[in-house]
Amino acid sequence: MATVELKRILDIVPQLVRIPHQQVWSSYDKEADVLYLNFKKPSHADDSELTDDDVIIRYEKGEVVGITILNASKREKPK
């Protein structure tokens, strides 16, 4: 069984509780290096925008329902 890196998970808790959504689903595609965060399940985005920092914001009827973070592993801050 893989070791859970509890400290690293606990380090992000303060940021997670400040997200303005009560529920967040995530998945990471290691091969594509893309992190998907969804704030609604099921969501059926009808619009999206690509920001200057390679984040895709997905909308459903004008409401943000998720974000897609490209090059996710390269965003880790140095320790």
PDB file of N, CA and C in Angstrom:
ATOM      1  N   MET A   1       0.847  -1.181   0.000  1.00  0.00           N
ATOM      2  CA  MET A   1       0.000   0.000   0.000  1.00  0.00           C
ATOM      3  C   MET A   1       0.892   1.244   0.000  1.00  0.00           C
ATOM      4  N   ALA A   2       0.523   2.235  -0.783  1.00  0.00           N
ATOM      5  CA  ALA A   2       1.301   3.467  -0.874  1.00  0.00           C
ATOM      6  C   ALA A   2       1.215   4.250   0.427  1.00  0.00           C
ATOM      7  N   THR A   3       2.302   4.890   0.765  1.00  0.00           N
ATOM      8  CA  THR A   3       2.348   5.709   1.958  1.00  0.00           C
ATOM      9  C   THR A   3       1.612   7.014   1.709  1.00  0.00           C
ATOM     10  N   VAL A   4       0.702   7.350   2.591  1.00  0.00           N
ATOM     11  CA  VAL A   4      -0.002   8.622   2.489  1.00  0.00           C
ATOM     12  C   VAL A   4       0.886   9.694   3.098  1.00  0.00           C
ATOM     13  N   GLU A   5       1.145  10.707   2.334  1.00  0.00           N
ATOM     14  CA  GLU A   5       1.981  11.795   2.823  1.00  0.00           C
ATOM     15  C   GLU A   5       1.086  12.788   3.550  1.00  0.00           C
ATOM     16  N   LEU A   6       0.715  12.427   4.759  1.00  0.00           N
ATOM     17  CA  LEU A   6      -0.258  13.194   5.525  1.00  0.00           C
ATOM     18  C   LEU A   6       0.170  14.643   5.721  1.00  0.00           C
ATOM     19  N   LYS A   7       1.426  14.882   5.999  1.00  0.00           N
ATOM     20  CA  LYS A   7       1.882  16.257   6.224  1.00  0.00           C
ATOM     21  C   LYS A   7       1.637  17.124   5.002  1.00  0.00           C
ATOM     22  N   ARG A   8       1.943  16.625   3.827  1.00  0.00           N
ATOM     23  CA  ARG A   8       1.740  17.405   2.594  1.00  0.00           C
ATOM     24  C   ARG A   8       0.267  17.680   2.363  1.00  0.00           C
ATOM     25  N   ILE A   9      -0.579  16.716   2.685  1.00  0.00           N
ATOM     26  CA  ILE A   9      -2.023  16.914   2.529  1.00  0.00           C
ATOM     27  C   ILE A   9      -2.513  17.954   3.529  1.00  0.00           C
ATOM     28  N   LEU A  10      -2.067  17.834   4.782  1.00  0.00           N
ATOM     29  CA  LEU A  10      -2.489  18.791   5.802  1.00  0.00           C
ATOM     30  C   LEU A  10      -1.994  20.204   5.502  1.00  0.00           C
ATOM     31  N   ASP A  11      -0.876  20.322   4.819  1.00  0.00           N
ATOM     32  CA  ASP A  11      -0.348  21.645   4.463  1.00  0.00           C
ATOM     33  C   ASP A  11      -1.282  22.420   3.540  1.00  0.00           C
ATOM     34  N   ILE A  12      -2.092  21.732   2.750  1.00  0.00           N
ATOM     35  CA  ILE A  12      -2.973  22.441   1.820  1.00  0.00           C
ATOM     36  C   ILE A  12      -4.372  22.691   2.390  1.00  0.00           C
ATOM     37  N   VAL A  13      -4.648  22.167   3.564  1.00  0.00           N
ATOM     38  CA  VAL A  13      -5.976  22.339   4.159  1.00  0.00           C
ATOM     39  C   VAL A  13      -6.375  23.808   4.287  1.00  0.00           C
ATOM     40  N   PRO A  14      -5.521  24.710   4.786  1.00  0.00           N
ATOM     41  CA  PRO A  14      -5.941  26.111   4.896  1.00  0.00           C
ATOM     42  C   PRO A  14      -6.392  26.714   3.559  1.00  0.00           C
ATOM     43  N   GLN A  15      -5.718  26.341   2.473  1.00  0.00           N
ATOM     44  CA  GLN A  15      -6.118  26.857   1.167  1.00  0.00           C
ATOM     45  C   GLN A  15      -7.443  26.234   0.711  1.00  0.00           C
ATOM     46  N   LEU A  16      -7.624  24.957   0.981  1.00  0.00           N
ATOM     47  CA  LEU A  16      -8.843  24.276   0.554  1.00  0.00           C
ATOM     48  C   LEU A  16     -10.093  24.833   1.227  1.00  0.00           C
ATOM     49  N   VAL A  17     -10.006  25.140   2.506  1.00  0.00           N
ATOM     50  CA  VAL A  17     -11.199  25.627   3.198  1.00  0.00           C
ATOM     51  C   VAL A  17     -11.559  27.049   2.789  1.00  0.00           C
ATOM     52  N   ARG A  18     -10.646  27.750   2.127  1.00  0.00           N
ATOM     53  CA  ARG A  18     -10.947  29.097   1.634  1.00  0.00           C
ATOM     54  C   ARG A  18     -11.530  29.100   0.225  1.00  0.00           C
ATOM     55  N   ILE A  19     -11.556  27.957  -0.424  1.00  0.00           N
ATOM     56  CA  ILE A  19     -12.167  27.883  -1.758  1.00  0.00           C
ATOM     57  C   ILE A  19     -13.658  28.164  -1.592  1.00  0.00           C
ATOM     58  N   PRO A  20     -14.220  29.014  -2.438  1.00  0.00           N
ATOM     59  CA  PRO A  20     -15.631  29.389  -2.255  1.00  0.00           C
ATOM     60  C   PRO A  20     -16.627  28.324  -2.722  1.00  0.00           C
ATOM     61  N   HIS A  21     -16.256  27.082  -2.627  1.00  0.00           N
ATOM     62  CA  HIS A  21     -17.131  25.967  -2.999  1.00  0.00           C
ATOM     63  C   HIS A  21     -17.079  24.945  -1.871  1.00  0.00           C
ATOM     64  N   GLN A  22     -18.235  24.414  -1.515  1.00  0.00           N
ATOM     65  CA  GLN A  22     -18.268  23.464  -0.414  1.00  0.00           C
ATOM     66  C   GLN A  22     -17.771  22.090  -0.817  1.00  0.00           C
ATOM     67  N   GLN A  23     -17.903  21.751  -2.076  1.00  0.00           N
ATOM     68  CA  GLN A  23     -17.442  20.452  -2.549  1.00  0.00           C
ATOM     69  C   GLN A  23     -16.485  20.640  -3.707  1.00  0.00           C
ATOM     70  N   VAL A  24     -15.409  19.859  -3.678  1.00  0.00           N
ATOM     71  CA  VAL A  24     -14.408  19.911  -4.740  1.00  0.00           C
ATOM     72  C   VAL A  24     -14.001  18.481  -5.064  1.00  0.00           C
ATOM     73  N   TRP A  25     -14.095  18.122  -6.335  1.00  0.00           N
ATOM     74  CA  TRP A  25     -13.612  16.825  -6.801  1.00  0.00           C
ATOM     75  C   TRP A  25     -12.367  17.098  -7.616  1.00  0.00           C
ATOM     76  N   SER A  26     -11.380  16.245  -7.473  1.00  0.00           N
ATOM     77  CA  SER A  26     -10.143  16.464  -8.225  1.00  0.00           C
ATOM     78  C   SER A  26      -9.678  15.174  -8.863  1.00  0.00           C
ATOM     79  N   SER A  27      -8.957  15.334  -9.953  1.00  0.00           N
ATOM     80  CA  SER A  27      -8.270  14.210 -10.572  1.00  0.00           C
ATOM     81  C   SER A  27      -7.038  14.768 -11.288  1.00  0.00           C
ATOM     82  N   TYR A  28      -6.001  13.948 -11.332  1.00  0.00           N
ATOM     83  CA  TYR A  28      -4.746  14.367 -11.938  1.00  0.00           C
ATOM     84  C   TYR A  28      -4.352  13.370 -13.012  1.00  0.00           C
ATOM     85  N   ASP A  29      -4.090  13.869 -14.209  1.00  0.00           N
ATOM     86  CA  ASP A  29      -3.605  13.053 -15.319  1.00  0.00           C
ATOM     87  C   ASP A  29      -2.093  13.259 -15.385  1.00  0.00           C
ATOM     88  N   LYS A  30      -1.354  12.303 -14.845  1.00  0.00           N
ATOM     89  CA  LYS A  30       0.104  12.432 -14.753  1.00  0.00           C
ATOM     90  C   LYS A  30       0.752  12.523 -16.138  1.00  0.00           C
ATOM     91  N   GLU A  31       0.283  11.715 -17.067  1.00  0.00           N
ATOM     92  CA  GLU A  31       0.876  11.714 -18.408  1.00  0.00           C
ATOM     93  C   GLU A  31       0.715  13.073 -19.093  1.00  0.00           C
ATOM     94  N   ALA A  32      -0.441  13.688 -18.947  1.00  0.00           N
ATOM     95  CA  ALA A  32      -0.693  14.994 -19.559  1.00  0.00           C
ATOM     96  C   ALA A  32      -0.282  16.148 -18.639  1.00  0.00           C
ATOM     97  N   ASP A  33       0.003  15.840 -17.370  1.00  0.00           N
ATOM     98  CA  ASP A  33       0.333  16.831 -16.344  1.00  0.00           C
ATOM     99  C   ASP A  33      -0.764  17.885 -16.230  1.00  0.00           C
ATOM    100  N   VAL A  34      -1.983  17.385 -16.065  1.00  0.00           N
ATOM    101  CA  VAL A  34      -3.157  18.251 -15.965  1.00  0.00           C
ATOM    102  C   VAL A  34      -3.930  17.898 -14.700  1.00  0.00           C
ATOM    103  N   LEU A  35      -4.271  18.922 -13.928  1.00  0.00           N
ATOM    104  CA  LEU A  35      -5.078  18.759 -12.725  1.00  0.00           C
ATOM    105  C   LEU A  35      -6.465  19.314 -13.006  1.00  0.00           C
ATOM    106  N   TYR A  36      -7.470  18.497 -12.727  1.00  0.00           N
ATOM    107  CA  TYR A  36      -8.863  18.894 -12.929  1.00  0.00           C
ATOM    108  C   TYR A  36      -9.511  19.094 -11.573  1.00  0.00           C
ATOM    109  N   LEU A  37     -10.123  20.250 -11.362  1.00  0.00           N
ATOM    110  CA  LEU A  37     -10.900  20.517 -10.156  1.00  0.00           C
ATOM    111  C   LEU A  37     -12.329  20.811 -10.597  1.00  0.00           C
ATOM    112  N   ASN A  38     -13.267  20.069 -10.033  1.00  0.00           N
ATOM    113  CA  ASN A  38     -14.677  20.258 -10.360  1.00  0.00           C
ATOM    114  C   ASN A  38     -15.423  20.671  -9.107  1.00  0.00           C
ATOM    115  N   PHE A  39     -16.316  21.644  -9.254  1.00  0.00           N
ATOM    116  CA  PHE A  39     -17.070  22.165  -8.132  1.00  0.00           C
ATOM    117  C   PHE A  39     -18.531  21.742  -8.173  1.00  0.00           C
ATOM    118  N   LYS A  40     -18.903  21.010  -9.210  1.00  0.00           N
ATOM    119  CA  LYS A  40     -20.281  20.553  -9.371  1.00  0.00           C
ATOM    120  C   LYS A  40     -20.245  19.211 -10.088  1.00  0.00           C
ATOM    121  N   LYS A  41     -21.025  18.277  -9.607  1.00  0.00           N
ATOM    122  CA  LYS A  41     -21.134  16.967 -10.254  1.00  0.00           C
ATOM    123  C   LYS A  41     -22.601  16.633 -10.425  1.00  0.00           C
ATOM    124  N   PRO A  42     -23.063  16.268 -11.561  1.00  0.00           N
ATOM    125  CA  PRO A  42     -22.325  16.383 -12.823  1.00  0.00           C
ATOM    126  C   PRO A  42     -22.306  17.833 -13.287  1.00  0.00           C
ATOM    127  N   SER A  43     -21.306  18.185 -14.023  1.00  0.00           N
ATOM    128  CA  SER A  43     -21.248  19.526 -14.610  1.00  0.00           C
ATOM    129  C   SER A  43     -21.210  19.376 -16.126  1.00  0.00           C
ATOM    130  N   HIS A  44     -21.848  20.307 -16.762  1.00  0.00           N
ATOM    131  CA  HIS A  44     -21.897  20.303 -18.234  1.00  0.00           C
ATOM    132  C   HIS A  44     -21.515  21.705 -18.690  1.00  0.00           C
ATOM    133  N   ALA A  45     -20.221  21.953 -18.752  1.00  0.00           N
ATOM    134  CA  ALA A  45     -19.733  23.274 -19.127  1.00  0.00           C
ATOM    135  C   ALA A  45     -20.243  23.663 -20.502  1.00  0.00           C
ATOM    136  N   ASP A  46     -20.712  24.898 -20.591  1.00  0.00           N
ATOM    137  CA  ASP A  46     -21.165  25.411 -21.873  1.00  0.00           C
ATOM    138  C   ASP A  46     -20.272  26.553 -22.372  1.00  0.00           C
ATOM    139  N   ASP A  47     -19.260  26.898 -21.564  1.00  0.00           N
ATOM    140  CA  ASP A  47     -18.327  27.945 -21.956  1.00  0.00           C
ATOM    141  C   ASP A  47     -17.035  27.751 -21.155  1.00  0.00           C
ATOM    142  N   SER A  48     -15.957  28.300 -21.650  1.00  0.00           N
ATOM    143  CA  SER A  48     -14.683  28.224 -20.935  1.00  0.00           C
ATOM    144  C   SER A  48     -13.782  29.343 -21.405  1.00  0.00           C
ATOM    145  N   GLU A  49     -12.779  29.618 -20.592  1.00  0.00           N
ATOM    146  CA  GLU A  49     -11.770  30.599 -20.993  1.00  0.00           C
ATOM    147  C   GLU A  49     -10.405  30.112 -20.540  1.00  0.00           C
ATOM    148  N   LEU A  50      -9.404  30.408 -21.343  1.00  0.00           N
ATOM    149  CA  LEU A  50      -8.021  30.067 -21.037  1.00  0.00           C
ATOM    150  C   LEU A  50      -7.336  31.322 -20.531  1.00  0.00           C
ATOM    151  N   THR A  51      -6.800  31.262 -19.307  1.00  0.00           N
ATOM    152  CA  THR A  51      -6.122  32.424 -18.745  1.00  0.00           C
ATOM    153  C   THR A  51      -4.683  32.485 -19.240  1.00  0.00           C
ATOM    154  N   ASP A  52      -4.023  33.603 -18.940  1.00  0.00           N
ATOM    155  CA  ASP A  52      -2.631  33.787 -19.355  1.00  0.00           C
ATOM    156  C   ASP A  52      -1.678  32.811 -18.675  1.00  0.00           C
ATOM    157  N   ASP A  53      -2.103  32.249 -17.521  1.00  0.00           N
ATOM    158  CA  ASP A  53      -1.219  31.312 -16.819  1.00  0.00           C
ATOM    159  C   ASP A  53      -1.647  29.855 -17.024  1.00  0.00           C
ATOM    160  N   ASP A  54      -2.225  29.556 -18.182  1.00  0.00           N
ATOM    161  CA  ASP A  54      -2.570  28.187 -18.593  1.00  0.00           C
ATOM    162  C   ASP A  54      -3.543  27.485 -17.649  1.00  0.00           C
ATOM    163  N   VAL A  55      -4.573  28.200 -17.257  1.00  0.00           N
ATOM    164  CA  VAL A  55      -5.665  27.635 -16.485  1.00  0.00           C
ATOM    165  C   VAL A  55      -6.937  27.815 -17.301  1.00  0.00           C
ATOM    166  N   ILE A  56      -7.685  26.734 -17.433  1.00  0.00           N
ATOM    167  CA  ILE A  56      -8.958  26.810 -18.149  1.00  0.00           C
ATOM    168  C   ILE A  56     -10.061  26.883 -17.100  1.00  0.00           C
ATOM    169  N   ILE A  57     -10.847  27.941 -17.162  1.00  0.00           N
ATOM    170  CA  ILE A  57     -11.986  28.106 -16.257  1.00  0.00           C
ATOM    171  C   ILE A  57     -13.228  27.670 -17.018  1.00  0.00           C
ATOM    172  N   ARG A  58     -13.971  26.717 -16.443  1.00  0.00           N
ATOM    173  CA  ARG A  58     -15.150  26.169 -17.113  1.00  0.00           C
ATOM    174  C   ARG A  58     -16.414  26.706 -16.462  1.00  0.00           C
ATOM    175  N   TYR A  59     -17.376  27.093 -17.312  1.00  0.00           N
ATOM    176  CA  TYR A  59     -18.616  27.694 -16.850  1.00  0.00           C
ATOM    177  C   TYR A  59     -19.824  26.877 -17.301  1.00  0.00           C
ATOM    178  N   GLU A  60     -20.848  26.912 -16.484  1.00  0.00           N
ATOM    179  CA  GLU A  60     -22.156  26.365 -16.850  1.00  0.00           C
ATOM    180  C   GLU A  60     -23.180  27.434 -16.495  1.00  0.00           C
ATOM    181  N   LYS A  61     -23.822  27.980 -17.508  1.00  0.00           N
ATOM    182  CA  LYS A  61     -24.808  29.053 -17.328  1.00  0.00           C
ATOM    183  C   LYS A  61     -24.230  30.210 -16.522  1.00  0.00           C
ATOM    184  N   GLY A  62     -22.977  30.584 -16.812  1.00  0.00           N
ATOM    185  CA  GLY A  62     -22.325  31.705 -16.167  1.00  0.00           C
ATOM    186  C   GLY A  62     -21.704  31.408 -14.818  1.00  0.00           C
ATOM    187  N   GLU A  63     -21.907  30.211 -14.283  1.00  0.00           N
ATOM    188  CA  GLU A  63     -21.360  29.824 -12.981  1.00  0.00           C
ATOM    189  C   GLU A  63     -20.097  28.995 -13.197  1.00  0.00           C
ATOM    190  N   VAL A  64     -19.054  29.269 -12.419  1.00  0.00           N
ATOM    191  CA  VAL A  64     -17.820  28.476 -12.504  1.00  0.00           C
ATOM    192  C   VAL A  64     -18.109  27.090 -11.950  1.00  0.00           C
ATOM    193  N   VAL A  65     -17.893  26.065 -12.777  1.00  0.00           N
ATOM    194  CA  VAL A  65     -18.140  24.685 -12.345  1.00  0.00           C
ATOM    195  C   VAL A  65     -16.845  23.877 -12.256  1.00  0.00           C
ATOM    196  N   GLY A  66     -15.728  24.472 -12.689  1.00  0.00           N
ATOM    197  CA  GLY A  66     -14.471  23.754 -12.586  1.00  0.00           C
ATOM    198  C   GLY A  66     -13.328  24.526 -13.205  1.00  0.00           C
ATOM    199  N   ILE A  67     -12.129  24.056 -12.889  1.00  0.00           N
ATOM    200  CA  ILE A  67     -10.934  24.610 -13.517  1.00  0.00           C
ATOM    201  C   ILE A  67     -10.023  23.454 -13.919  1.00  0.00           C
ATOM    202  N   THR A  68      -9.284  23.685 -14.973  1.00  0.00           N
ATOM    203  CA  THR A  68      -8.308  22.729 -15.471  1.00  0.00           C
ATOM    204  C   THR A  68      -6.957  23.432 -15.430  1.00  0.00           C
ATOM    205  N   ILE A  69      -6.005  22.836 -14.719  1.00  0.00           N
ATOM    206  CA  ILE A  69      -4.699  23.459 -14.542  1.00  0.00           C
ATOM    207  C   ILE A  69      -3.682  22.696 -15.379  1.00  0.00           C
ATOM    208  N   LEU A  70      -3.186  23.346 -16.414  1.00  0.00           N
ATOM    209  CA  LEU A  70      -2.202  22.745 -17.304  1.00  0.00           C
ATOM    210  C   LEU A  70      -0.814  22.849 -16.668  1.00  0.00           C
ATOM    211  N   ASN A  71       0.062  21.921 -16.988  1.00  0.00           N
ATOM    212  CA  ASN A  71       1.437  21.906 -16.451  1.00  0.00           C
ATOM    213  C   ASN A  71       1.421  21.956 -14.924  1.00  0.00           C
ATOM    214  N   ALA A  72       0.555  21.166 -14.318  1.00  0.00           N
ATOM    215  CA  ALA A  72       0.312  21.232 -12.883  1.00  0.00           C
ATOM    216  C   ALA A  72       1.561  20.955 -12.047  1.00  0.00           C
ATOM    217  N   SER A  73       2.354  19.985 -12.411  1.00  0.00           N
ATOM    218  CA  SER A  73       3.512  19.619 -11.575  1.00  0.00           C
ATOM    219  C   SER A  73       4.586  20.706 -11.565  1.00  0.00           C
ATOM    220  N   LYS A  74       4.588  21.561 -12.546  1.00  0.00           N
ATOM    221  CA  LYS A  74       5.593  22.612 -12.629  1.00  0.00           C
ATOM    222  C   LYS A  74       5.231  23.821 -11.773  1.00  0.00           C
ATOM    223  N   ARG A  75       4.083  23.780 -11.113  1.00  0.00           N
ATOM    224  CA  ARG A  75       3.618  24.891 -10.310  1.00  0.00           C
ATOM    225  C   ARG A  75       3.990  24.772  -8.846  1.00  0.00           C
ATOM    226  N   GLU A  76       4.627  23.691  -8.464  1.00  0.00           N
ATOM    227  CA  GLU A  76       4.994  23.493  -7.063  1.00  0.00           C
ATOM    228  C   GLU A  76       6.033  24.543  -6.669  1.00  0.00           C
ATOM    229  N   LYS A  77       5.752  25.191  -5.542  1.00  0.00           N
ATOM    230  CA  LYS A  77       6.679  26.203  -5.052  1.00  0.00           C
ATOM    231  C   LYS A  77       7.890  25.525  -4.408  1.00  0.00           C
ATOM    232  N   PRO A  78       9.066  26.106  -4.599  1.00  0.00           N
ATOM    233  CA  PRO A  78      10.264  25.537  -3.962  1.00  0.00           C
ATOM    234  C   PRO A  78      10.120  25.552  -2.449  1.00  0.00           C
ATOM    235  N   LYS A  79      10.701  24.553  -1.796  1.00  0.00           N
ATOM    236  CA  LYS A  79      10.601  24.463  -0.331  1.00  0.00           C
ATOM    237  C   LYS A  79      11.666  25.276   0.334  1.00  0.00           C
TER     238      LYS A  79
END
